[in-house]
Amino acid sequence: VLDREGSRVVRYVRGRAVQVAGGTEAGSGAAQLNAGPTGRIYAAKGGRLYISDTGNHRVQRWDPGAKVGITVAGGHGCGSGADQL
């Protein structure tokens, strides 16, 4: 579940919330998200997550158990450049 207010992704296991991506506050670091109201999440095979981190104009990949995400698209501000979203 993408917790947009908390800028994190949580998985519910037997009624208990487990944080699997993001941090304790919004930000642009590798361990942070700023998904905002339009953020989306895609769960791939094997538990890998792709998160549209819209506030940071990037797509972050989080591997199972990772403490930080990897920018796989964008990350250099809003725009039409090859490294922008």
C-alpha atoms as a PDB file:
ATOM      1  CA  VAL A   1       0.000   0.000   0.000  1.00  0.00           C
ATOM      2  CA  LEU A   2       1.399   3.400  -0.945  1.00  0.00           C
ATOM      3  CA  ASP A   3       1.075   5.654   2.118  1.00  0.00           C
ATOM      4  CA  ARG A   4       1.191   9.000   0.347  1.00  0.00           C
ATOM      5  CA  GLU A   5       1.011  11.029   3.550  1.00  0.00           C
ATOM      6  CA  GLY A   6       3.851   9.054   5.118  1.00  0.00           C
ATOM      7  CA  SER A   7       5.876   8.857   1.887  1.00  0.00           C
ATOM      8  CA  ARG A   8       6.420   5.135   2.297  1.00  0.00           C
ATOM      9  CA  VAL A   9       5.150   1.773   1.098  1.00  0.00           C
ATOM     10  CA  VAL A  10       3.807  -0.673   3.649  1.00  0.00           C
ATOM     11  CA  ARG A  11       2.844  -4.317   3.345  1.00  0.00           C
ATOM     12  CA  TYR A  12       0.265  -5.776   5.676  1.00  0.00           C
ATOM     13  CA  VAL A  13       1.157  -9.222   6.987  1.00  0.00           C
ATOM     14  CA  ARG A  14      -1.396 -10.821   9.288  1.00  0.00           C
ATOM     15  CA  GLY A  15      -2.790  -7.416  10.209  1.00  0.00           C
ATOM     16  CA  ARG A  16       0.628  -5.920  10.961  1.00  0.00           C
ATOM     17  CA  ALA A  17       2.105  -3.082   8.874  1.00  0.00           C
ATOM     18  CA  VAL A  18       5.671  -3.660   7.632  1.00  0.00           C
ATOM     19  CA  GLN A  19       7.470  -0.802   5.877  1.00  0.00           C
ATOM     20  CA  VAL A  20       9.057  -2.009   2.631  1.00  0.00           C
ATOM     21  CA  ALA A  21      10.067   1.270   0.913  1.00  0.00           C
ATOM     22  CA  GLY A  22      10.539   4.921   1.738  1.00  0.00           C
ATOM     23  CA  GLY A  23      11.411   6.601   4.986  1.00  0.00           C
ATOM     24  CA  THR A  24       9.911   8.464   7.874  1.00  0.00           C
ATOM     25  CA  GLU A  25       9.527  11.733   5.985  1.00  0.00           C
ATOM     26  CA  ALA A  26       9.201  12.991   2.433  1.00  0.00           C
ATOM     27  CA  GLY A  27      12.422  13.807   0.624  1.00  0.00           C
ATOM     28  CA  SER A  28      14.583  13.261  -2.426  1.00  0.00           C
ATOM     29  CA  GLY A  29      17.243  10.933  -0.997  1.00  0.00           C
ATOM     30  CA  ALA A  30      17.659   7.330  -2.157  1.00  0.00           C
ATOM     31  CA  ALA A  31      15.861   6.114   0.995  1.00  0.00           C
ATOM     32  CA  GLN A  32      13.030   8.642   0.678  1.00  0.00           C
ATOM     33  CA  LEU A  33       9.902   9.114  -1.405  1.00  0.00           C
ATOM     34  CA  ASN A  34       7.731  12.124  -2.181  1.00  0.00           C
ATOM     35  CA  ALA A  35       4.997  10.302  -4.069  1.00  0.00           C
ATOM     36  CA  GLY A  36       2.236  12.826  -3.395  1.00  0.00           C
ATOM     37  CA  PRO A  37      -1.404  12.340  -4.363  1.00  0.00           C
ATOM     38  CA  THR A  38      -0.624  11.001  -7.849  1.00  0.00           C
ATOM     39  CA  GLY A  39       2.033   8.427  -6.894  1.00  0.00           C
ATOM     40  CA  ARG A  40       1.526   4.854  -8.075  1.00  0.00           C
ATOM     41  CA  ILE A  41       3.109   1.508  -7.268  1.00  0.00           C
ATOM     42  CA  TYR A  42       3.697  -1.589  -9.400  1.00  0.00           C
ATOM     43  CA  ALA A  43       4.673  -4.895  -7.798  1.00  0.00           C
ATOM     44  CA  ALA A  44       6.720  -7.078 -10.150  1.00  0.00           C
ATOM     45  CA  LYS A  45       7.461 -10.788  -9.939  1.00  0.00           C
ATOM     46  CA  GLY A  46       9.705 -11.675  -7.028  1.00  0.00           C
ATOM     47  CA  GLY A  47       8.621  -8.726  -4.875  1.00  0.00           C
ATOM     48  CA  ARG A  48      10.450  -5.943  -6.704  1.00  0.00           C
ATOM     49  CA  LEU A  49       8.554  -2.630  -6.484  1.00  0.00           C
ATOM     50  CA  TYR A  50       8.444   0.233  -8.966  1.00  0.00           C
ATOM     51  CA  ILE A  51       7.156   3.482  -7.460  1.00  0.00           C
ATOM     52  CA  SER A  52       6.239   6.627  -9.370  1.00  0.00           C
ATOM     53  CA  ASP A  53       7.788   9.163  -7.039  1.00  0.00           C
ATOM     54  CA  THR A  54       5.981  12.095  -8.622  1.00  0.00           C
ATOM     55  CA  GLY A  55       7.163  14.781  -6.207  1.00  0.00           C
ATOM     56  CA  ASN A  56      10.742  13.980  -7.240  1.00  0.00           C
ATOM     57  CA  HIS A  57       9.954  13.408 -10.942  1.00  0.00           C
ATOM     58  CA  ARG A  58      11.414   9.903 -10.922  1.00  0.00           C
ATOM     59  CA  VAL A  59      10.603   6.195 -10.864  1.00  0.00           C
ATOM     60  CA  GLN A  60      12.252   4.301  -8.012  1.00  0.00           C
ATOM     61  CA  ARG A  61      12.920   0.564  -7.965  1.00  0.00           C
ATOM     62  CA  TRP A  62      12.998  -1.143  -4.574  1.00  0.00           C
ATOM     63  CA  ASP A  63      14.260  -4.689  -4.361  1.00  0.00           C
ATOM     64  CA  PRO A  64      12.997  -6.967  -1.561  1.00  0.00           C
ATOM     65  CA  GLY A  65      14.770  -6.126   1.692  1.00  0.00           C
ATOM     66  CA  ALA A  66      16.470  -3.019   0.267  1.00  0.00           C
ATOM     67  CA  LYS A  67      17.069   0.009   2.502  1.00  0.00           C
ATOM     68  CA  VAL A  68      17.289   2.404  -0.457  1.00  0.00           C
ATOM     69  CA  GLY A  69      15.672   2.680  -3.865  1.00  0.00           C
ATOM     70  CA  ILE A  70      17.374   2.924  -7.243  1.00  0.00           C
ATOM     71  CA  THR A  71      16.295   5.617  -9.702  1.00  0.00           C
ATOM     72  CA  VAL A  72      15.424   3.886 -12.975  1.00  0.00           C
ATOM     73  CA  ALA A  73      13.838   6.850 -14.788  1.00  0.00           C
ATOM     74  CA  GLY A  74      13.952  10.612 -14.378  1.00  0.00           C
ATOM     75  CA  GLY A  75      15.381  12.110 -11.218  1.00  0.00           C
ATOM     76  CA  HIS A  76      16.646  15.349 -12.780  1.00  0.00           C
ATOM     77  CA  GLY A  77      13.604  17.562 -12.351  1.00  0.00           C
ATOM     78  CA  CYS A  78      10.527  18.121 -14.454  1.00  0.00           C
ATOM     79  CA  GLY A  79      11.055  18.502 -18.186  1.00  0.00           C
ATOM     80  CA  SER A  80      11.324  16.912 -21.588  1.00  0.00           C
ATOM     81  CA  GLY A  81      14.973  15.843 -21.383  1.00  0.00           C
ATOM     82  CA  ALA A  82      15.989  12.203 -21.678  1.00  0.00           C
ATOM     83  CA  ASP A  83      16.662  12.109 -17.912  1.00  0.00           C
ATOM     84  CA  GLN A  84      13.551  14.057 -16.880  1.00  0.00           C
ATOM     85  CA  LEU A  85       9.888  13.256 -16.243  1.00  0.00           C
END
